[in-house]
Amino acid sequence: MENIKALEDVYKILYLKQCNKELISVVERYFVAHKSIYKKIVKFYYYDVRQAKCCFNINATEYQEIRYKICTDVAELVRDYYKNRANRIEKIENVVDLLAHKKRIKRQY
């Protein structure tokens, strides 16, 4: 499971796509539903407050609040995704991993 502690972790999911495709689509839907500045803040996660103030035209407190909101929201999405995935796997008998189960079904036919 991905551990979201900072915007760098969100960047790895959103731009570098370093997780599974289902989780990537969940995170992308989150950014589609919010303002475009959210995605820009993740893209330039390494900016400090002064650089962000010039680049995004928002004040420092608003920038800090948006950064915190993105991290907490995405962390909750990831947690909910894996919790839901575990519930789906438990309902299927004799399956250790859902992705392996899907591959096995394709090979049988």
PDB file of N, CA and C in Angstrom:
ATOM      1  N   MET A   1       0.844  -1.174   0.000  1.00  0.00           N
ATOM      2  CA  MET A   1       0.000   0.000   0.000  1.00  0.00           C
ATOM      3  C   MET A   1       0.893   1.241   0.000  1.00  0.00           C
ATOM      4  N   GLU A   2       0.488   2.225  -0.770  1.00  0.00           N
ATOM      5  CA  GLU A   2       1.219   3.471  -0.840  1.00  0.00           C
ATOM      6  C   GLU A   2       0.996   4.264   0.449  1.00  0.00           C
ATOM      7  N   ASN A   3       2.044   4.865   0.929  1.00  0.00           N
ATOM      8  CA  ASN A   3       1.962   5.651   2.150  1.00  0.00           C
ATOM      9  C   ASN A   3       2.064   7.124   1.768  1.00  0.00           C
ATOM     10  N   ILE A   4       0.983   7.865   1.906  1.00  0.00           N
ATOM     11  CA  ILE A   4       0.932   9.265   1.502  1.00  0.00           C
ATOM     12  C   ILE A   4       1.256  10.138   2.715  1.00  0.00           C
ATOM     13  N   LYS A   5       2.440  10.719   2.699  1.00  0.00           N
ATOM     14  CA  LYS A   5       2.848  11.612   3.785  1.00  0.00           C
ATOM     15  C   LYS A   5       3.104  13.032   3.304  1.00  0.00           C
ATOM     16  N   ALA A   6       3.407  13.177   2.011  1.00  0.00           N
ATOM     17  CA  ALA A   6       3.727  14.498   1.466  1.00  0.00           C
ATOM     18  C   ALA A   6       3.257  14.563   0.018  1.00  0.00           C
ATOM     19  N   LEU A   7       3.353  15.741  -0.556  1.00  0.00           N
ATOM     20  CA  LEU A   7       2.946  15.918  -1.951  1.00  0.00           C
ATOM     21  C   LEU A   7       3.823  15.124  -2.911  1.00  0.00           C
ATOM     22  N   GLU A   8       5.024  14.822  -2.507  1.00  0.00           N
ATOM     23  CA  GLU A   8       5.903  14.019  -3.352  1.00  0.00           C
ATOM     24  C   GLU A   8       5.311  12.632  -3.592  1.00  0.00           C
ATOM     25  N   ASP A   9       4.656  12.073  -2.587  1.00  0.00           N
ATOM     26  CA  ASP A   9       4.017  10.769  -2.738  1.00  0.00           C
ATOM     27  C   ASP A   9       2.830  10.845  -3.693  1.00  0.00           C
ATOM     28  N   VAL A  10       2.081  11.937  -3.641  1.00  0.00           N
ATOM     29  CA  VAL A  10       0.965  12.143  -4.560  1.00  0.00           C
ATOM     30  C   VAL A  10       1.500  12.321  -5.979  1.00  0.00           C
ATOM     31  N   TYR A  11       2.607  13.032  -6.109  1.00  0.00           N
ATOM     32  CA  TYR A  11       3.245  13.229  -7.414  1.00  0.00           C
ATOM     33  C   TYR A  11       3.626  11.892  -8.048  1.00  0.00           C
ATOM     34  N   LYS A  12       4.141  10.979  -7.245  1.00  0.00           N
ATOM     35  CA  LYS A  12       4.537   9.672  -7.762  1.00  0.00           C
ATOM     36  C   LYS A  12       3.340   8.914  -8.320  1.00  0.00           C
ATOM     37  N   ILE A  13       2.186   9.066  -7.690  1.00  0.00           N
ATOM     38  CA  ILE A  13       0.988   8.384  -8.182  1.00  0.00           C
ATOM     39  C   ILE A  13       0.442   9.088  -9.419  1.00  0.00           C
ATOM     40  N   LEU A  14       0.325  10.406  -9.352  1.00  0.00           N
ATOM     41  CA  LEU A  14      -0.359  11.157 -10.403  1.00  0.00           C
ATOM     42  C   LEU A  14       0.475  11.307 -11.677  1.00  0.00           C
ATOM     43  N   TYR A  15       1.741  11.623 -11.537  1.00  0.00           N
ATOM     44  CA  TYR A  15       2.565  11.906 -12.718  1.00  0.00           C
ATOM     45  C   TYR A  15       3.503  10.755 -13.100  1.00  0.00           C
ATOM     46  N   LEU A  16       4.096  10.099 -12.134  1.00  0.00           N
ATOM     47  CA  LEU A  16       5.017   9.011 -12.450  1.00  0.00           C
ATOM     48  C   LEU A  16       4.305   7.670 -12.587  1.00  0.00           C
ATOM     49  N   LYS A  17       3.069   7.609 -12.109  1.00  0.00           N
ATOM     50  CA  LYS A  17       2.214   6.411 -12.219  1.00  0.00           C
ATOM     51  C   LYS A  17       2.897   5.184 -11.623  1.00  0.00           C
ATOM     52  N   GLN A  18       3.366   5.331 -10.375  1.00  0.00           N
ATOM     53  CA  GLN A  18       4.071   4.251  -9.701  1.00  0.00           C
ATOM     54  C   GLN A  18       3.153   3.454  -8.779  1.00  0.00           C
ATOM     55  N   CYS A  19       2.020   3.028  -9.300  1.00  0.00           N
ATOM     56  CA  CYS A  19       1.109   2.141  -8.577  1.00  0.00           C
ATOM     57  C   CYS A  19       0.182   1.503  -9.604  1.00  0.00           C
ATOM     58  N   ASN A  20      -0.821   0.768  -9.133  1.00  0.00           N
ATOM     59  CA  ASN A  20      -1.677   0.076 -10.105  1.00  0.00           C
ATOM     60  C   ASN A  20      -2.643   1.040 -10.792  1.00  0.00           C
ATOM     61  N   LYS A  21      -3.182   0.589 -11.915  1.00  0.00           N
ATOM     62  CA  LYS A  21      -3.996   1.458 -12.776  1.00  0.00           C
ATOM     63  C   LYS A  21      -5.299   1.886 -12.122  1.00  0.00           C
ATOM     64  N   GLU A  22      -5.888   1.019 -11.318  1.00  0.00           N
ATOM     65  CA  GLU A  22      -7.147   1.360 -10.654  1.00  0.00           C
ATOM     66  C   GLU A  22      -6.957   2.523  -9.692  1.00  0.00           C
ATOM     67  N   LEU A  23      -5.880   2.483  -8.923  1.00  0.00           N
ATOM     68  CA  LEU A  23      -5.607   3.556  -7.971  1.00  0.00           C
ATOM     69  C   LEU A  23      -5.277   4.859  -8.697  1.00  0.00           C
ATOM     70  N   ILE A  24      -4.566   4.767  -9.793  1.00  0.00           N
ATOM     71  CA  ILE A  24      -4.255   5.960 -10.584  1.00  0.00           C
ATOM     72  C   ILE A  24      -5.537   6.618 -11.064  1.00  0.00           C
ATOM     73  N   SER A  25      -6.484   5.819 -11.543  1.00  0.00           N
ATOM     74  CA  SER A  25      -7.751   6.391 -12.028  1.00  0.00           C
ATOM     75  C   SER A  25      -8.545   7.024 -10.891  1.00  0.00           C
ATOM     76  N   VAL A  26      -8.485   6.456  -9.698  1.00  0.00           N
ATOM     77  CA  VAL A  26      -9.183   7.043  -8.540  1.00  0.00           C
ATOM     78  C   VAL A  26      -8.591   8.405  -8.211  1.00  0.00           C
ATOM     79  N   VAL A  27      -7.269   8.493  -8.194  1.00  0.00           N
ATOM     80  CA  VAL A  27      -6.603   9.761  -7.866  1.00  0.00           C
ATOM     81  C   VAL A  27      -6.838  10.790  -8.973  1.00  0.00           C
ATOM     82  N   GLU A  28      -6.806  10.361 -10.222  1.00  0.00           N
ATOM     83  CA  GLU A  28      -7.057  11.299 -11.327  1.00  0.00           C
ATOM     84  C   GLU A  28      -8.480  11.854 -11.272  1.00  0.00           C
ATOM     85  N   ARG A  29      -9.463  11.019 -10.908  1.00  0.00           N
ATOM     86  CA  ARG A  29     -10.838  11.511 -10.784  1.00  0.00           C
ATOM     87  C   ARG A  29     -10.953  12.560  -9.683  1.00  0.00           C
ATOM     88  N   TYR A  30     -10.164  12.412  -8.617  1.00  0.00           N
ATOM     89  CA  TYR A  30     -10.155  13.407  -7.554  1.00  0.00           C
ATOM     90  C   TYR A  30      -9.702  14.766  -8.097  1.00  0.00           C
ATOM     91  N   PHE A  31      -8.640  14.771  -8.903  1.00  0.00           N
ATOM     92  CA  PHE A  31      -8.119  16.035  -9.421  1.00  0.00           C
ATOM     93  C   PHE A  31      -8.998  16.622 -10.517  1.00  0.00           C
ATOM     94  N   VAL A  32      -9.731  15.803 -11.231  1.00  0.00           N
ATOM     95  CA  VAL A  32     -10.679  16.312 -12.221  1.00  0.00           C
ATOM     96  C   VAL A  32     -11.828  17.033 -11.509  1.00  0.00           C
ATOM     97  N   ALA A  33     -12.229  16.520 -10.355  1.00  0.00           N
ATOM     98  CA  ALA A  33     -13.351  17.097  -9.619  1.00  0.00           C
ATOM     99  C   ALA A  33     -12.981  18.412  -8.919  1.00  0.00           C
ATOM    100  N   HIS A  34     -11.698  18.683  -8.740  1.00  0.00           N
ATOM    101  CA  HIS A  34     -11.275  19.897  -8.052  1.00  0.00           C
ATOM    102  C   HIS A  34     -10.668  20.900  -9.044  1.00  0.00           C
ATOM    103  N   LYS A  35     -10.298  22.046  -8.516  1.00  0.00           N
ATOM    104  CA  LYS A  35      -9.729  23.110  -9.343  1.00  0.00           C
ATOM    105  C   LYS A  35      -8.406  22.673  -9.968  1.00  0.00           C
ATOM    106  N   SER A  36      -8.057  23.303 -11.068  1.00  0.00           N
ATOM    107  CA  SER A  36      -6.816  22.947 -11.770  1.00  0.00           C
ATOM    108  C   SER A  36      -5.572  23.332 -10.962  1.00  0.00           C
ATOM    109  N   ILE A  37      -5.723  24.257 -10.031  1.00  0.00           N
ATOM    110  CA  ILE A  37      -4.572  24.666  -9.215  1.00  0.00           C
ATOM    111  C   ILE A  37      -4.097  23.511  -8.334  1.00  0.00           C
ATOM    112  N   TYR A  38      -4.986  22.605  -7.975  1.00  0.00           N
ATOM    113  CA  TYR A  38      -4.602  21.456  -7.152  1.00  0.00           C
ATOM    114  C   TYR A  38      -3.563  20.601  -7.879  1.00  0.00           C
ATOM    115  N   LYS A  39      -3.803  20.347  -9.150  1.00  0.00           N
ATOM    116  CA  LYS A  39      -2.884  19.533  -9.930  1.00  0.00           C
ATOM    117  C   LYS A  39      -1.559  20.263 -10.150  1.00  0.00           C
ATOM    118  N   LYS A  40      -1.623  21.586 -10.327  1.00  0.00           N
ATOM    119  CA  LYS A  40      -0.399  22.370 -10.503  1.00  0.00           C
ATOM    120  C   LYS A  40       0.437  22.362  -9.225  1.00  0.00           C
ATOM    121  N   ILE A  41      -0.227  22.428  -8.079  1.00  0.00           N
ATOM    122  CA  ILE A  41       0.506  22.402  -6.809  1.00  0.00           C
ATOM    123  C   ILE A  41       1.223  21.073  -6.643  1.00  0.00           C
ATOM    124  N   VAL A  42       0.586  19.986  -7.033  1.00  0.00           N
ATOM    125  CA  VAL A  42       1.244  18.678  -6.955  1.00  0.00           C
ATOM    126  C   VAL A  42       2.401  18.607  -7.941  1.00  0.00           C
ATOM    127  N   LYS A  43       2.212  19.157  -9.120  1.00  0.00           N
ATOM    128  CA  LYS A  43       3.268  19.122 -10.137  1.00  0.00           C
ATOM    129  C   LYS A  43       4.515  19.863  -9.659  1.00  0.00           C
ATOM    130  N   PHE A  44       4.323  20.979  -8.973  1.00  0.00           N
ATOM    131  CA  PHE A  44       5.444  21.770  -8.454  1.00  0.00           C
ATOM    132  C   PHE A  44       5.496  21.653  -6.941  1.00  0.00           C
ATOM    133  N   TYR A  45       5.490  20.418  -6.436  1.00  0.00           N
ATOM    134  CA  TYR A  45       5.475  20.168  -4.997  1.00  0.00           C
ATOM    135  C   TYR A  45       6.715  20.686  -4.286  1.00  0.00           C
ATOM    136  N   TYR A  46       7.792  20.874  -5.002  1.00  0.00           N
ATOM    137  CA  TYR A  46       9.065  21.297  -4.412  1.00  0.00           C
ATOM    138  C   TYR A  46       9.153  22.808  -4.196  1.00  0.00           C
ATOM    139  N   TYR A  47       8.153  23.560  -4.642  1.00  0.00           N
ATOM    140  CA  TYR A  47       8.170  25.011  -4.414  1.00  0.00           C
ATOM    141  C   TYR A  47       8.013  25.318  -2.928  1.00  0.00           C
ATOM    142  N   ASP A  48       8.726  26.352  -2.494  1.00  0.00           N
ATOM    143  CA  ASP A  48       8.477  26.830  -1.138  1.00  0.00           C
ATOM    144  C   ASP A  48       7.373  27.887  -1.202  1.00  0.00           C
ATOM    145  N   VAL A  49       7.054  28.478  -0.068  1.00  0.00           N
ATOM    146  CA  VAL A  49       5.902  29.385   0.016  1.00  0.00           C
ATOM    147  C   VAL A  49       6.096  30.613  -0.866  1.00  0.00           C
ATOM    148  N   ARG A  50       7.292  31.173  -0.900  1.00  0.00           N
ATOM    149  CA  ARG A  50       7.527  32.377  -1.699  1.00  0.00           C
ATOM    150  C   ARG A  50       7.391  32.107  -3.195  1.00  0.00           C
ATOM    151  N   GLN A  51       7.937  30.994  -3.654  1.00  0.00           N
ATOM    152  CA  GLN A  51       7.817  30.645  -5.072  1.00  0.00           C
ATOM    153  C   GLN A  51       6.361  30.364  -5.442  1.00  0.00           C
ATOM    154  N   ALA A  52       5.662  29.693  -4.566  1.00  0.00           N
ATOM    155  CA  ALA A  52       4.262  29.359  -4.832  1.00  0.00           C
ATOM    156  C   ALA A  52       3.406  30.613  -4.873  1.00  0.00           C
ATOM    157  N   LYS A  53       3.732  31.570  -4.030  1.00  0.00           N
ATOM    158  CA  LYS A  53       2.993  32.826  -3.999  1.00  0.00           C
ATOM    159  C   LYS A  53       3.088  33.537  -5.349  1.00  0.00           C
ATOM    160  N   CYS A  54       4.253  33.528  -5.935  1.00  0.00           N
ATOM    161  CA  CYS A  54       4.442  34.169  -7.244  1.00  0.00           C
ATOM    162  C   CYS A  54       3.826  33.352  -8.373  1.00  0.00           C
ATOM    163  N   CYS A  55       3.972  32.053  -8.315  1.00  0.00           N
ATOM    164  CA  CYS A  55       3.535  31.194  -9.411  1.00  0.00           C
ATOM    165  C   CYS A  55       2.012  30.987  -9.437  1.00  0.00           C
ATOM    166  N   PHE A  56       1.404  30.751  -8.277  1.00  0.00           N
ATOM    167  CA  PHE A  56      -0.010  30.404  -8.229  1.00  0.00           C
ATOM    168  C   PHE A  56      -0.927  31.582  -7.882  1.00  0.00           C
ATOM    169  N   ASN A  57      -0.356  32.725  -7.530  1.00  0.00           N
ATOM    170  CA  ASN A  57      -1.122  33.923  -7.159  1.00  0.00           C
ATOM    171  C   ASN A  57      -2.099  33.674  -6.013  1.00  0.00           C
ATOM    172  N   ILE A  58      -1.639  32.954  -4.998  1.00  0.00           N
ATOM    173  CA  ILE A  58      -2.437  32.763  -3.787  1.00  0.00           C
ATOM    174  C   ILE A  58      -1.563  33.111  -2.602  1.00  0.00           C
ATOM    175  N   ASN A  59      -2.199  33.407  -1.471  1.00  0.00           N
ATOM    176  CA  ASN A  59      -1.404  33.761  -0.302  1.00  0.00           C
ATOM    177  C   ASN A  59      -0.852  32.506   0.377  1.00  0.00           C
ATOM    178  N   ALA A  60       0.051  32.702   1.312  1.00  0.00           N
ATOM    179  CA  ALA A  60       0.789  31.594   1.917  1.00  0.00           C
ATOM    180  C   ALA A  60      -0.121  30.658   2.710  1.00  0.00           C
ATOM    181  N   THR A  61      -1.056  31.201   3.458  1.00  0.00           N
ATOM    182  CA  THR A  61      -1.921  30.340   4.265  1.00  0.00           C
ATOM    183  C   THR A  61      -2.826  29.481   3.379  1.00  0.00           C
ATOM    184  N   GLU A  62      -3.335  30.075   2.307  1.00  0.00           N
ATOM    185  CA  GLU A  62      -4.179  29.308   1.396  1.00  0.00           C
ATOM    186  C   GLU A  62      -3.367  28.197   0.723  1.00  0.00           C
ATOM    187  N   TYR A  63      -2.138  28.489   0.366  1.00  0.00           N
ATOM    188  CA  TYR A  63      -1.262  27.486  -0.244  1.00  0.00           C
ATOM    189  C   TYR A  63      -1.016  26.324   0.722  1.00  0.00           C
ATOM    190  N   GLN A  64      -0.726  26.654   1.976  1.00  0.00           N
ATOM    191  CA  GLN A  64      -0.501  25.613   2.981  1.00  0.00           C
ATOM    192  C   GLN A  64      -1.753  24.771   3.202  1.00  0.00           C
ATOM    193  N   GLU A  65      -2.922  25.410   3.226  1.00  0.00           N
ATOM    194  CA  GLU A  65      -4.179  24.686   3.415  1.00  0.00           C
ATOM    195  C   GLU A  65      -4.459  23.746   2.251  1.00  0.00           C
ATOM    196  N   ILE A  66      -4.213  24.202   1.034  1.00  0.00           N
ATOM    197  CA  ILE A  66      -4.441  23.353  -0.140  1.00  0.00           C
ATOM    198  C   ILE A  66      -3.492  22.166  -0.136  1.00  0.00           C
ATOM    199  N   ARG A  67      -2.228  22.401   0.200  1.00  0.00           N
ATOM    200  CA  ARG A  67      -1.259  21.299   0.281  1.00  0.00           C
ATOM    201  C   ARG A  67      -1.706  20.255   1.290  1.00  0.00           C
ATOM    202  N   TYR A  68      -2.137  20.709   2.459  1.00  0.00           N
ATOM    203  CA  TYR A  68      -2.582  19.795   3.500  1.00  0.00           C
ATOM    204  C   TYR A  68      -3.831  19.033   3.049  1.00  0.00           C
ATOM    205  N   LYS A  69      -4.768  19.750   2.417  1.00  0.00           N
ATOM    206  CA  LYS A  69      -6.021  19.135   1.964  1.00  0.00           C
ATOM    207  C   LYS A  69      -5.745  18.063   0.911  1.00  0.00           C
ATOM    208  N   ILE A  70      -4.846  18.333  -0.015  1.00  0.00           N
ATOM    209  CA  ILE A  70      -4.512  17.351  -1.048  1.00  0.00           C
ATOM    210  C   ILE A  70      -3.934  16.090  -0.406  1.00  0.00           C
ATOM    211  N   CYS A  71      -2.991  16.264   0.507  1.00  0.00           N
ATOM    212  CA  CYS A  71      -2.359  15.104   1.146  1.00  0.00           C
ATOM    213  C   CYS A  71      -3.367  14.264   1.922  1.00  0.00           C
ATOM    214  N   THR A  72      -4.213  14.909   2.707  1.00  0.00           N
ATOM    215  CA  THR A  72      -5.178  14.156   3.511  1.00  0.00           C
ATOM    216  C   THR A  72      -6.237  13.490   2.633  1.00  0.00           C
ATOM    217  N   ASP A  73      -6.725  14.201   1.624  1.00  0.00           N
ATOM    218  CA  ASP A  73      -7.749  13.627   0.750  1.00  0.00           C
ATOM    219  C   ASP A  73      -7.225  12.425  -0.025  1.00  0.00           C
ATOM    220  N   VAL A  74      -6.044  12.548  -0.586  1.00  0.00           N
ATOM    221  CA  VAL A  74      -5.480  11.440  -1.359  1.00  0.00           C
ATOM    222  C   VAL A  74      -5.128  10.270  -0.437  1.00  0.00           C
ATOM    223  N   ALA A  75      -4.641  10.553   0.760  1.00  0.00           N
ATOM    224  CA  ALA A  75      -4.351   9.482   1.716  1.00  0.00           C
ATOM    225  C   ALA A  75      -5.631   8.722   2.072  1.00  0.00           C
ATOM    226  N   GLU A  76      -6.732   9.440   2.246  1.00  0.00           N
ATOM    227  CA  GLU A  76      -8.011   8.785   2.526  1.00  0.00           C
ATOM    228  C   GLU A  76      -8.496   7.984   1.325  1.00  0.00           C
ATOM    229  N   LEU A  77      -8.308   8.512   0.113  1.00  0.00           N
ATOM    230  CA  LEU A  77      -8.689   7.767  -1.094  1.00  0.00           C
ATOM    231  C   LEU A  77      -7.906   6.467  -1.215  1.00  0.00           C
ATOM    232  N   VAL A  78      -6.617   6.524  -0.959  1.00  0.00           N
ATOM    233  CA  VAL A  78      -5.772   5.330  -1.045  1.00  0.00           C
ATOM    234  C   VAL A  78      -6.195   4.313   0.016  1.00  0.00           C
ATOM    235  N   ARG A  79      -6.429   4.790   1.234  1.00  0.00           N
ATOM    236  CA  ARG A  79      -6.852   3.890   2.311  1.00  0.00           C
ATOM    237  C   ARG A  79      -8.188   3.232   1.974  1.00  0.00           C
ATOM    238  N   ASP A  80      -9.143   4.015   1.497  1.00  0.00           N
ATOM    239  CA  ASP A  80     -10.451   3.478   1.129  1.00  0.00           C
ATOM    240  C   ASP A  80     -10.352   2.498  -0.038  1.00  0.00           C
ATOM    241  N   TYR A  81      -9.490   2.800  -0.999  1.00  0.00           N
ATOM    242  CA  TYR A  81      -9.305   1.920  -2.149  1.00  0.00           C
ATOM    243  C   TYR A  81      -8.808   0.543  -1.693  1.00  0.00           C
ATOM    244  N   TYR A  82      -7.773   0.521  -0.858  1.00  0.00           N
ATOM    245  CA  TYR A  82      -7.225  -0.755  -0.422  1.00  0.00           C
ATOM    246  C   TYR A  82      -8.179  -1.497   0.515  1.00  0.00           C
ATOM    247  N   LYS A  83      -8.931  -0.765   1.304  1.00  0.00           N
ATOM    248  CA  LYS A  83      -9.927  -1.399   2.174  1.00  0.00           C
ATOM    249  C   LYS A  83     -11.018  -2.050   1.324  1.00  0.00           C
ATOM    250  N   ASN A  84     -11.496  -1.344   0.309  1.00  0.00           N
ATOM    251  CA  ASN A  84     -12.513  -1.881  -0.588  1.00  0.00           C
ATOM    252  C   ASN A  84     -11.973  -3.073  -1.367  1.00  0.00           C
ATOM    253  N   ARG A  85     -10.735  -2.987  -1.793  1.00  0.00           N
ATOM    254  CA  ARG A  85     -10.113  -4.082  -2.548  1.00  0.00           C
ATOM    255  C   ARG A  85      -9.982  -5.328  -1.682  1.00  0.00           C
ATOM    256  N   ALA A  86      -9.609  -5.141  -0.421  1.00  0.00           N
ATOM    257  CA  ALA A  86      -9.500  -6.281   0.493  1.00  0.00           C
ATOM    258  C   ALA A  86     -10.862  -6.932   0.716  1.00  0.00           C
ATOM    259  N   ASN A  87     -11.910  -6.120   0.812  1.00  0.00           N
ATOM    260  CA  ASN A  87     -13.257  -6.665   0.980  1.00  0.00           C
ATOM    261  C   ASN A  87     -13.683  -7.465  -0.238  1.00  0.00           C
ATOM    262  N   ARG A  88     -13.354  -6.982  -1.447  1.00  0.00           N
ATOM    263  CA  ARG A  88     -13.698  -7.725  -2.661  1.00  0.00           C
ATOM    264  C   ARG A  88     -12.960  -9.059  -2.712  1.00  0.00           C
ATOM    265  N   ILE A  89     -11.709  -9.062  -2.306  1.00  0.00           N
ATOM    266  CA  ILE A  89     -10.912 -10.287  -2.349  1.00  0.00           C
ATOM    267  C   ILE A  89     -11.418 -11.301  -1.329  1.00  0.00           C
ATOM    268  N   GLU A  90     -11.834 -10.838  -0.152  1.00  0.00           N
ATOM    269  CA  GLU A  90     -12.333 -11.747   0.873  1.00  0.00           C
ATOM    270  C   GLU A  90     -13.607 -12.453   0.437  1.00  0.00           C
ATOM    271  N   LYS A  91     -14.408 -11.813  -0.383  1.00  0.00           N
ATOM    272  CA  LYS A  91     -15.667 -12.418  -0.825  1.00  0.00           C
ATOM    273  C   LYS A  91     -15.442 -13.544  -1.822  1.00  0.00           C
ATOM    274  N   ILE A  92     -14.321 -13.527  -2.523  1.00  0.00           N
ATOM    275  CA  ILE A  92     -14.005 -14.580  -3.483  1.00  0.00           C
ATOM    276  C   ILE A  92     -13.234 -15.672  -2.746  1.00  0.00           C
ATOM    277  N   GLU A  93     -13.629 -16.919  -2.923  1.00  0.00           N
ATOM    278  CA  GLU A  93     -12.995 -18.016  -2.202  1.00  0.00           C
ATOM    279  C   GLU A  93     -11.675 -18.416  -2.849  1.00  0.00           C
ATOM    280  N   ASN A  94     -10.716 -18.786  -2.006  1.00  0.00           N
ATOM    281  CA  ASN A  94      -9.410 -19.317  -2.428  1.00  0.00           C
ATOM    282  C   ASN A  94      -8.645 -18.373  -3.341  1.00  0.00           C
ATOM    283  N   VAL A  95      -8.717 -17.081  -3.081  1.00  0.00           N
ATOM    284  CA  VAL A  95      -7.984 -16.110  -3.876  1.00  0.00           C
ATOM    285  C   VAL A  95      -7.098 -15.294  -2.944  1.00  0.00           C
ATOM    286  N   VAL A  96      -5.833 -15.234  -3.283  1.00  0.00           N
ATOM    287  CA  VAL A  96      -4.907 -14.453  -2.480  1.00  0.00           C
ATOM    288  C   VAL A  96      -4.874 -13.016  -2.970  1.00  0.00           C
ATOM    289  N   ASP A  97      -4.890 -12.825  -4.296  1.00  0.00           N
ATOM    290  CA  ASP A  97      -4.818 -11.494  -4.877  1.00  0.00           C
ATOM    291  C   ASP A  97      -5.791 -11.416  -6.050  1.00  0.00           C
ATOM    292  N   LEU A  98      -6.517 -10.334  -6.134  1.00  0.00           N
ATOM    293  CA  LEU A  98      -7.529 -10.177  -7.174  1.00  0.00           C
ATOM    294  C   LEU A  98      -6.902 -10.111  -8.565  1.00  0.00           C
ATOM    295  N   LEU A  99      -5.754  -9.460  -8.700  1.00  0.00           N
ATOM    296  CA  LEU A  99      -5.110  -9.367 -10.011  1.00  0.00           C
ATOM    297  C   LEU A  99      -4.654 -10.747 -10.500  1.00  0.00           C
ATOM    298  N   ALA A 100      -4.138 -11.565  -9.598  1.00  0.00           N
ATOM    299  CA  ALA A 100      -3.741 -12.919  -9.970  1.00  0.00           C
ATOM    300  C   ALA A 100      -4.970 -13.743 -10.350  1.00  0.00           C
ATOM    301  N   HIS A 101      -6.065 -13.517  -9.675  1.00  0.00           N
ATOM    302  CA  HIS A 101      -7.314 -14.225  -9.974  1.00  0.00           C
ATOM    303  C   HIS A 101      -7.809 -13.883 -11.373  1.00  0.00           C
ATOM    304  N   LYS A 102      -7.738 -12.613 -11.747  1.00  0.00           N
ATOM    305  CA  LYS A 102      -8.164 -12.210 -13.084  1.00  0.00           C
ATOM    306  C   LYS A 102      -7.288 -12.850 -14.150  1.00  0.00           C
ATOM    307  N   LYS A 103      -5.992 -12.935 -13.920  1.00  0.00           N
ATOM    308  CA  LYS A 103      -5.089 -13.532 -14.898  1.00  0.00           C
ATOM    309  C   LYS A 103      -5.382 -15.027 -15.041  1.00  0.00           C
ATOM    310  N   ARG A 104      -5.707 -15.692 -13.941  1.00  0.00           N
ATOM    311  CA  ARG A 104      -5.992 -17.113 -13.962  1.00  0.00           C
ATOM    312  C   ARG A 104      -7.282 -17.394 -14.750  1.00  0.00           C
ATOM    313  N   ILE A 105      -8.258 -16.547 -14.617  1.00  0.00           N
ATOM    314  CA  ILE A 105      -9.520 -16.697 -15.348  1.00  0.00           C
ATOM    315  C   ILE A 105      -9.282 -16.582 -16.843  1.00  0.00           C
ATOM    316  N   LYS A 106      -8.463 -15.645 -17.259  1.00  0.00           N
ATOM    317  CA  LYS A 106      -8.179 -15.466 -18.689  1.00  0.00           C
ATOM    318  C   LYS A 106      -7.454 -16.687 -19.267  1.00  0.00           C
ATOM    319  N   ARG A 107      -6.586 -17.298 -18.500  1.00  0.00           N
ATOM    320  CA  ARG A 107      -5.818 -18.427 -18.997  1.00  0.00           C
ATOM    321  C   ARG A 107      -6.682 -19.682 -19.128  1.00  0.00           C
ATOM    322  N   GLN A 108      -7.726 -19.799 -18.342  1.00  0.00           N
ATOM    323  CA  GLN A 108      -8.558 -20.997 -18.369  1.00  0.00           C
ATOM    324  C   GLN A 108      -9.317 -21.131 -19.670  1.00  0.00           C
ATOM    325  N   TYR A 109      -9.656 -20.049 -20.316  1.00  0.00           N
ATOM    326  CA  TYR A 109     -10.495 -20.118 -21.512  1.00  0.00           C
ATOM    327  C   TYR A 109      -9.722 -20.349 -22.754  1.00  0.00           C
TER     328      TYR A 109
END
